[in-house]
Amino acid sequence: MDAVRQCAAPATPQALGNGELGFGPVADRRDDEDLADMVRELRGYDPKPGCRFGSSRVDAVTPDVFVVRTVKGWAIDINSNSLPRVLVDRRYHAELATSAKDKASKHWLAENLASATWLVKALDQRQRTIVRVASVARSRAVT
């Protein structure tokens, strides 16, 4: 490999892979045999050495935000498909609350309504935090 490092590289790795050995100016020109040996050595390397350590398929991660270029710069858009949707049906709660006779049922309904309301607020806060973090990351990456 030392001989390869001393040689000037071809225009692109794809050109070398296609057998286009059009090297640019080289301080110490190698003869055709040396160049062929170097190409054989390069072709003997594993192009994906990480595959030896894990062969399980990795699924793509669904992004929480999309960063899109606009006329005014970069915009952050939340990916609504990646967020859980929780709705609290207040009418149904009111219907159940009026039909609840004992204190334990009313307490159970109130407690579960409070939990559901908290969850909706927590998810909304998570969404706003994701957008804020992405905005800060975008502003630091741009500058």
N, C-alpha and C. Protein backbone atom coordinates (compact mmCIF):
# COMPACT_ATOMS: atom_id res chain seq x y z
N MET A 1 0.82 -1.19 0.00
CA MET A 1 0.00 0.00 0.00
C MET A 1 0.87 1.25 0.00
N ASP A 2 2.11 1.17 0.48
CA ASP A 2 2.98 2.34 0.50
C ASP A 2 3.21 2.87 -0.90
N ALA A 3 3.35 1.96 -1.86
CA ALA A 3 3.55 2.39 -3.24
C ALA A 3 2.34 3.15 -3.74
N VAL A 4 1.16 2.75 -3.30
CA VAL A 4 -0.06 3.44 -3.74
C VAL A 4 -0.10 4.83 -3.15
N ARG A 5 0.30 4.97 -1.90
CA ARG A 5 0.30 6.30 -1.27
C ARG A 5 1.28 7.24 -1.95
N GLN A 6 2.36 6.71 -2.50
CA GLN A 6 3.35 7.55 -3.17
C GLN A 6 2.87 7.99 -4.54
N CYS A 7 1.93 7.27 -5.08
CA CYS A 7 1.40 7.55 -6.41
C CYS A 7 0.29 8.58 -6.31
N ALA A 8 0.09 9.37 -7.34
CA ALA A 8 -1.06 10.27 -7.36
C ALA A 8 -2.31 9.46 -7.63
N ALA A 9 -3.43 9.82 -7.00
CA ALA A 9 -4.67 9.05 -7.13
C ALA A 9 -5.36 9.36 -8.43
N PRO A 10 -6.16 8.41 -8.96
CA PRO A 10 -6.94 8.70 -10.15
C PRO A 10 -8.02 9.72 -9.83
N ALA A 11 -8.72 10.19 -10.84
CA ALA A 11 -9.73 11.23 -10.66
C ALA A 11 -10.77 10.82 -9.64
N THR A 12 -11.28 9.59 -9.69
CA THR A 12 -12.27 9.11 -8.73
C THR A 12 -12.00 7.64 -8.43
N PRO A 13 -12.47 7.18 -7.26
CA PRO A 13 -12.33 5.74 -6.97
C PRO A 13 -13.11 4.90 -7.98
N GLN A 14 -14.23 5.43 -8.49
CA GLN A 14 -15.00 4.70 -9.49
C GLN A 14 -14.18 4.50 -10.76
N ALA A 15 -13.39 5.50 -11.13
CA ALA A 15 -12.55 5.38 -12.32
C ALA A 15 -11.54 4.25 -12.14
N LEU A 16 -10.97 4.15 -10.95
CA LEU A 16 -10.03 3.06 -10.68
C LEU A 16 -10.74 1.72 -10.73
N GLY A 17 -11.95 1.67 -10.16
CA GLY A 17 -12.73 0.44 -10.19
C GLY A 17 -13.10 0.00 -11.59
N ASN A 18 -13.27 0.95 -12.48
CA ASN A 18 -13.60 0.64 -13.88
C ASN A 18 -12.37 0.30 -14.70
N GLY A 19 -11.21 0.33 -14.09
CA GLY A 19 -9.99 -0.01 -14.80
C GLY A 19 -9.35 1.17 -15.50
N GLU A 20 -9.84 2.37 -15.27
CA GLU A 20 -9.26 3.57 -15.87
C GLU A 20 -8.08 3.99 -15.01
N LEU A 21 -6.90 3.69 -15.47
CA LEU A 21 -5.71 3.94 -14.68
C LEU A 21 -5.03 5.22 -15.12
N GLY A 22 -5.80 6.22 -15.45
CA GLY A 22 -5.23 7.49 -15.90
C GLY A 22 -4.74 8.32 -14.74
N PHE A 23 -3.59 7.96 -14.19
CA PHE A 23 -3.04 8.73 -13.09
C PHE A 23 -2.50 10.05 -13.59
N GLY A 24 -2.55 11.01 -12.73
CA GLY A 24 -2.03 12.33 -13.06
C GLY A 24 -0.52 12.33 -12.97
N PRO A 25 0.07 13.50 -12.83
CA PRO A 25 1.53 13.57 -12.75
C PRO A 25 2.04 12.85 -11.50
N VAL A 26 3.04 12.03 -11.70
CA VAL A 26 3.60 11.24 -10.61
C VAL A 26 5.09 11.54 -10.54
N ALA A 27 5.55 11.79 -9.31
CA ALA A 27 6.96 12.12 -9.14
C ALA A 27 7.84 10.95 -9.56
N ASP A 28 7.50 9.74 -9.16
CA ASP A 28 8.28 8.56 -9.47
C ASP A 28 7.37 7.61 -10.26
N ARG A 29 7.42 7.64 -11.58
CA ARG A 29 6.51 6.83 -12.41
C ARG A 29 6.78 5.34 -12.17
N ARG A 30 5.71 4.60 -12.00
CA ARG A 30 5.79 3.15 -11.85
C ARG A 30 5.56 2.53 -13.22
N ASP A 31 6.15 1.40 -13.43
CA ASP A 31 5.88 0.72 -14.70
C ASP A 31 4.52 0.04 -14.62
N ASP A 32 4.02 -0.45 -15.72
CA ASP A 32 2.68 -1.02 -15.79
C ASP A 32 2.49 -2.18 -14.83
N GLU A 33 3.51 -2.97 -14.61
CA GLU A 33 3.39 -4.12 -13.73
C GLU A 33 3.18 -3.69 -12.28
N ASP A 34 3.95 -2.69 -11.84
CA ASP A 34 3.77 -2.18 -10.48
C ASP A 34 2.37 -1.59 -10.29
N LEU A 35 1.91 -0.86 -11.28
CA LEU A 35 0.58 -0.26 -11.21
C LEU A 35 -0.49 -1.35 -11.15
N ALA A 36 -0.34 -2.40 -11.94
CA ALA A 36 -1.29 -3.50 -11.92
C ALA A 36 -1.27 -4.20 -10.57
N ASP A 37 -0.10 -4.34 -9.97
CA ASP A 37 -0.01 -4.94 -8.63
C ASP A 37 -0.75 -4.10 -7.59
N MET A 38 -0.58 -2.80 -7.69
CA MET A 38 -1.26 -1.91 -6.75
C MET A 38 -2.78 -2.01 -6.90
N VAL A 39 -3.25 -2.07 -8.13
CA VAL A 39 -4.70 -2.17 -8.38
C VAL A 39 -5.21 -3.50 -7.84
N ARG A 40 -4.47 -4.59 -8.06
CA ARG A 40 -4.88 -5.90 -7.53
C ARG A 40 -4.97 -5.85 -6.00
N GLU A 41 -4.00 -5.19 -5.38
CA GLU A 41 -4.02 -5.09 -3.92
C GLU A 41 -5.25 -4.31 -3.46
N LEU A 42 -5.54 -3.21 -4.13
CA LEU A 42 -6.71 -2.41 -3.76
C LEU A 42 -8.00 -3.21 -3.94
N ARG A 43 -8.08 -3.97 -5.01
CA ARG A 43 -9.29 -4.77 -5.26
C ARG A 43 -9.44 -5.91 -4.27
N GLY A 44 -8.35 -6.31 -3.63
CA GLY A 44 -8.40 -7.38 -2.64
C GLY A 44 -8.97 -6.94 -1.31
N TYR A 45 -9.08 -5.63 -1.08
CA TYR A 45 -9.61 -5.13 0.18
C TYR A 45 -11.13 -5.29 0.21
N ASP A 46 -11.66 -5.45 1.40
CA ASP A 46 -13.11 -5.57 1.59
C ASP A 46 -13.71 -4.16 1.56
N PRO A 47 -14.63 -3.88 0.61
CA PRO A 47 -15.20 -2.53 0.55
C PRO A 47 -16.15 -2.22 1.70
N LYS A 48 -16.61 -3.26 2.40
CA LYS A 48 -17.53 -3.06 3.53
C LYS A 48 -17.03 -3.87 4.72
N PRO A 49 -15.95 -3.42 5.34
CA PRO A 49 -15.36 -4.23 6.42
C PRO A 49 -16.26 -4.34 7.65
N GLY A 50 -17.16 -3.42 7.85
CA GLY A 50 -18.04 -3.48 9.00
C GLY A 50 -19.01 -4.64 8.96
N CYS A 51 -19.27 -5.20 7.78
CA CYS A 51 -20.20 -6.32 7.65
C CYS A 51 -19.69 -7.56 8.37
N ARG A 52 -18.40 -7.64 8.63
CA ARG A 52 -17.86 -8.80 9.34
C ARG A 52 -18.32 -8.82 10.79
N PHE A 53 -18.69 -7.68 11.33
CA PHE A 53 -19.03 -7.58 12.74
C PHE A 53 -20.52 -7.67 13.02
N GLY A 54 -21.34 -7.49 12.03
CA GLY A 54 -22.78 -7.58 12.23
C GLY A 54 -23.48 -7.66 10.89
N SER A 55 -24.33 -8.65 10.76
CA SER A 55 -24.99 -8.81 9.48
C SER A 55 -26.49 -8.58 9.57
N SER A 56 -26.97 -8.23 10.76
CA SER A 56 -28.41 -8.01 10.89
C SER A 56 -28.79 -6.71 10.17
N ARG A 57 -29.96 -6.75 9.57
CA ARG A 57 -30.43 -5.60 8.80
C ARG A 57 -30.83 -4.49 9.76
N VAL A 58 -30.44 -3.29 9.44
CA VAL A 58 -30.77 -2.13 10.26
C VAL A 58 -31.83 -1.33 9.52
N ASP A 59 -32.96 -1.13 10.16
CA ASP A 59 -34.03 -0.35 9.55
C ASP A 59 -33.74 1.13 9.70
N ALA A 60 -34.22 1.89 8.74
CA ALA A 60 -34.03 3.33 8.78
C ALA A 60 -34.82 3.92 9.95
N VAL A 61 -34.28 4.95 10.54
CA VAL A 61 -34.92 5.63 11.65
C VAL A 61 -35.87 6.68 11.10
N THR A 62 -37.06 6.75 11.66
CA THR A 62 -38.02 7.78 11.25
C THR A 62 -37.63 9.08 11.93
N PRO A 63 -37.40 10.14 11.16
CA PRO A 63 -36.97 11.40 11.77
C PRO A 63 -38.12 12.09 12.51
N ASP A 64 -37.77 12.80 13.58
CA ASP A 64 -38.77 13.60 14.30
C ASP A 64 -39.04 14.92 13.59
N VAL A 65 -38.03 15.42 12.88
CA VAL A 65 -38.19 16.69 12.17
C VAL A 65 -37.62 16.58 10.76
N PHE A 66 -38.10 17.46 9.91
CA PHE A 66 -37.54 17.62 8.58
C PHE A 66 -36.96 19.02 8.51
N VAL A 67 -35.77 19.13 7.96
CA VAL A 67 -35.15 20.43 7.74
C VAL A 67 -35.18 20.66 6.23
N VAL A 68 -35.91 21.70 5.82
CA VAL A 68 -36.07 21.98 4.40
C VAL A 68 -35.57 23.38 4.09
N ARG A 69 -34.98 23.51 2.92
CA ARG A 69 -34.49 24.81 2.49
C ARG A 69 -35.64 25.60 1.89
N THR A 70 -35.78 26.84 2.33
CA THR A 70 -36.80 27.74 1.80
C THR A 70 -36.12 28.97 1.23
N VAL A 71 -36.91 29.87 0.69
CA VAL A 71 -36.37 31.11 0.15
C VAL A 71 -35.70 31.93 1.25
N LYS A 72 -36.24 31.86 2.45
CA LYS A 72 -35.72 32.64 3.58
C LYS A 72 -34.61 31.93 4.35
N GLY A 73 -34.26 30.73 3.96
CA GLY A 73 -33.22 29.98 4.68
C GLY A 73 -33.67 28.55 4.91
N TRP A 74 -33.48 28.09 6.14
CA TRP A 74 -33.83 26.71 6.49
C TRP A 74 -35.02 26.72 7.42
N ALA A 75 -35.98 25.81 7.17
CA ALA A 75 -37.18 25.71 8.01
C ALA A 75 -37.21 24.34 8.68
N ILE A 76 -37.70 24.33 9.91
CA ILE A 76 -37.86 23.10 10.67
C ILE A 76 -39.33 22.71 10.62
N ASP A 77 -39.61 21.51 10.14
CA ASP A 77 -40.98 20.99 10.10
C ASP A 77 -41.04 19.73 10.94
N ILE A 78 -42.01 19.65 11.83
CA ILE A 78 -42.17 18.47 12.66
C ILE A 78 -42.77 17.35 11.82
N ASN A 79 -42.28 16.15 12.00
CA ASN A 79 -42.81 14.98 11.29
C ASN A 79 -43.97 14.44 12.12
N SER A 80 -45.19 14.77 11.74
CA SER A 80 -46.36 14.37 12.52
C SER A 80 -46.57 12.86 12.51
N ASN A 81 -45.99 12.16 11.53
CA ASN A 81 -46.13 10.70 11.49
C ASN A 81 -45.33 10.01 12.58
N SER A 82 -44.32 10.68 13.11
CA SER A 82 -43.49 10.05 14.14
C SER A 82 -44.01 10.31 15.55
N LEU A 83 -45.02 11.17 15.67
CA LEU A 83 -45.52 11.52 16.99
C LEU A 83 -46.77 10.71 17.34
N PRO A 84 -46.87 10.28 18.58
CA PRO A 84 -48.09 9.59 18.99
C PRO A 84 -49.26 10.58 19.07
N ARG A 85 -50.44 10.08 18.77
CA ARG A 85 -51.63 10.94 18.83
C ARG A 85 -52.51 10.46 19.98
N VAL A 86 -52.85 11.38 20.86
CA VAL A 86 -53.71 11.07 21.99
C VAL A 86 -54.81 12.12 22.03
N LEU A 87 -56.03 11.66 22.04
CA LEU A 87 -57.18 12.56 22.14
C LEU A 87 -57.99 12.18 23.37
N VAL A 88 -58.49 13.18 24.08
CA VAL A 88 -59.33 12.95 25.24
C VAL A 88 -60.74 13.36 24.86
N ASP A 89 -61.64 12.42 24.91
CA ASP A 89 -63.04 12.69 24.56
C ASP A 89 -63.76 13.21 25.80
N ARG A 90 -63.88 14.51 25.90
CA ARG A 90 -64.47 15.15 27.08
C ARG A 90 -65.98 14.87 27.18
N ARG A 91 -66.64 14.74 26.03
CA ARG A 91 -68.08 14.44 26.06
C ARG A 91 -68.33 13.07 26.68
N TYR A 92 -67.51 12.12 26.27
CA TYR A 92 -67.65 10.77 26.82
C TYR A 92 -67.37 10.78 28.32
N HIS A 93 -66.38 11.55 28.72
CA HIS A 93 -66.07 11.67 30.15
C HIS A 93 -67.25 12.27 30.90
N ALA A 94 -67.84 13.31 30.32
CA ALA A 94 -68.99 13.95 30.98
C ALA A 94 -70.16 12.98 31.08
N GLU A 95 -70.38 12.19 30.04
CA GLU A 95 -71.45 11.20 30.06
C GLU A 95 -71.22 10.16 31.15
N LEU A 96 -69.98 9.69 31.26
CA LEU A 96 -69.67 8.72 32.30
C LEU A 96 -69.77 9.34 33.70
N ALA A 97 -69.35 10.59 33.81
CA ALA A 97 -69.36 11.25 35.11
C ALA A 97 -70.79 11.44 35.63
N THR A 98 -71.73 11.73 34.72
CA THR A 98 -73.11 11.91 35.17
C THR A 98 -73.76 10.58 35.55
N SER A 99 -73.30 9.50 34.91
CA SER A 99 -73.90 8.20 35.23
C SER A 99 -73.21 7.50 36.41
N ALA A 100 -72.08 8.03 36.84
CA ALA A 100 -71.36 7.42 37.98
C ALA A 100 -72.11 7.75 39.26
N LYS A 101 -72.42 6.73 40.01
CA LYS A 101 -73.22 6.91 41.24
C LYS A 101 -72.36 6.99 42.50
N ASP A 102 -71.38 6.10 42.59
CA ASP A 102 -70.61 6.06 43.84
C ASP A 102 -69.35 6.92 43.75
N LYS A 103 -68.82 7.19 44.90
CA LYS A 103 -67.66 8.07 45.03
C LYS A 103 -66.42 7.46 44.38
N ALA A 104 -66.25 6.16 44.48
CA ALA A 104 -65.07 5.48 43.92
C ALA A 104 -65.05 5.60 42.39
N SER A 105 -66.19 5.47 41.74
CA SER A 105 -66.26 5.60 40.27
C SER A 105 -65.93 7.02 39.84
N LYS A 106 -66.48 8.00 40.57
CA LYS A 106 -66.20 9.41 40.24
C LYS A 106 -64.71 9.71 40.42
N HIS A 107 -64.14 9.17 41.49
CA HIS A 107 -62.70 9.37 41.74
C HIS A 107 -61.86 8.73 40.63
N TRP A 108 -62.24 7.51 40.23
CA TRP A 108 -61.52 6.81 39.15
C TRP A 108 -61.58 7.60 37.86
N LEU A 109 -62.76 8.12 37.50
CA LEU A 109 -62.90 8.93 36.28
C LEU A 109 -62.06 10.21 36.34
N ALA A 110 -62.10 10.89 37.47
CA ALA A 110 -61.34 12.14 37.63
C ALA A 110 -59.84 11.86 37.54
N GLU A 111 -59.41 10.77 38.16
CA GLU A 111 -57.99 10.42 38.14
C GLU A 111 -57.52 10.09 36.72
N ASN A 112 -58.32 9.33 35.99
CA ASN A 112 -57.93 8.96 34.63
C ASN A 112 -58.01 10.15 33.67
N LEU A 113 -58.96 11.05 33.90
CA LEU A 113 -59.00 12.27 33.08
C LEU A 113 -57.77 13.11 33.34
N ALA A 114 -57.35 13.22 34.58
CA ALA A 114 -56.15 13.98 34.91
C ALA A 114 -54.91 13.35 34.27
N SER A 115 -54.83 12.02 34.28
CA SER A 115 -53.70 11.32 33.65
C SER A 115 -53.68 11.55 32.14
N ALA A 116 -54.84 11.47 31.52
CA ALA A 116 -54.92 11.67 30.07
C ALA A 116 -54.56 13.10 29.70
N THR A 117 -55.04 14.05 30.48
CA THR A 117 -54.72 15.46 30.22
C THR A 117 -53.22 15.69 30.38
N TRP A 118 -52.62 15.10 31.42
CA TRP A 118 -51.18 15.24 31.62
C TRP A 118 -50.42 14.66 30.42
N LEU A 119 -50.85 13.50 29.92
CA LEU A 119 -50.17 12.87 28.80
C LEU A 119 -50.24 13.75 27.55
N VAL A 120 -51.40 14.33 27.29
CA VAL A 120 -51.54 15.21 26.12
C VAL A 120 -50.60 16.41 26.25
N LYS A 121 -50.53 17.00 27.44
CA LYS A 121 -49.64 18.15 27.66
C LYS A 121 -48.17 17.74 27.54
N ALA A 122 -47.82 16.57 28.05
CA ALA A 122 -46.43 16.10 27.98
C ALA A 122 -46.02 15.86 26.53
N LEU A 123 -46.91 15.28 25.73
CA LEU A 123 -46.60 15.06 24.31
C LEU A 123 -46.46 16.37 23.56
N ASP A 124 -47.30 17.34 23.90
CA ASP A 124 -47.19 18.66 23.28
C ASP A 124 -45.86 19.33 23.66
N GLN A 125 -45.48 19.21 24.92
CA GLN A 125 -44.20 19.77 25.37
C GLN A 125 -43.03 19.09 24.67
N ARG A 126 -43.12 17.77 24.50
CA ARG A 126 -42.07 17.02 23.79
C ARG A 126 -41.92 17.54 22.36
N GLN A 127 -43.04 17.76 21.69
CA GLN A 127 -43.01 18.26 20.32
C GLN A 127 -42.35 19.63 20.25
N ARG A 128 -42.74 20.53 21.16
CA ARG A 128 -42.14 21.87 21.17
C ARG A 128 -40.65 21.81 21.48
N THR A 129 -40.24 20.92 22.38
CA THR A 129 -38.82 20.78 22.71
C THR A 129 -38.03 20.26 21.52
N ILE A 130 -38.58 19.29 20.80
CA ILE A 130 -37.90 18.76 19.61
C ILE A 130 -37.68 19.87 18.58
N VAL A 131 -38.69 20.69 18.36
CA VAL A 131 -38.57 21.79 17.39
C VAL A 131 -37.53 22.79 17.87
N ARG A 132 -37.53 23.12 19.16
CA ARG A 132 -36.55 24.08 19.68
C ARG A 132 -35.12 23.56 19.55
N VAL A 133 -34.92 22.29 19.89
CA VAL A 133 -33.57 21.70 19.80
C VAL A 133 -33.12 21.67 18.34
N ALA A 134 -34.01 21.28 17.44
CA ALA A 134 -33.66 21.25 16.01
C ALA A 134 -33.36 22.65 15.50
N SER A 135 -34.08 23.65 15.97
CA SER A 135 -33.82 25.03 15.54
C SER A 135 -32.45 25.51 15.99
N VAL A 136 -32.09 25.18 17.23
CA VAL A 136 -30.77 25.56 17.74
C VAL A 136 -29.67 24.83 16.97
N ALA A 137 -29.88 23.54 16.72
CA ALA A 137 -28.88 22.78 15.95
C ALA A 137 -28.73 23.35 14.55
N ARG A 138 -29.84 23.71 13.93
CA ARG A 138 -29.80 24.31 12.60
C ARG A 138 -29.04 25.63 12.62
N SER A 139 -29.35 26.48 13.60
CA SER A 139 -28.70 27.79 13.65
C SER A 139 -27.19 27.66 13.90
N ARG A 140 -26.78 26.68 14.69
CA ARG A 140 -25.34 26.48 14.93
C ARG A 140 -24.66 25.84 13.75
N ALA A 141 -25.37 25.02 13.00
CA ALA A 141 -24.78 24.38 11.83
C ALA A 141 -24.63 25.36 10.68
N VAL A 142 -25.54 26.30 10.57
CA VAL A 142 -25.52 27.26 9.47
C VAL A 142 -24.42 28.28 9.68
N THR A 143 -24.19 28.68 10.93
CA THR A 143 -23.18 29.72 11.18
C THR A 143 -21.82 29.16 11.36
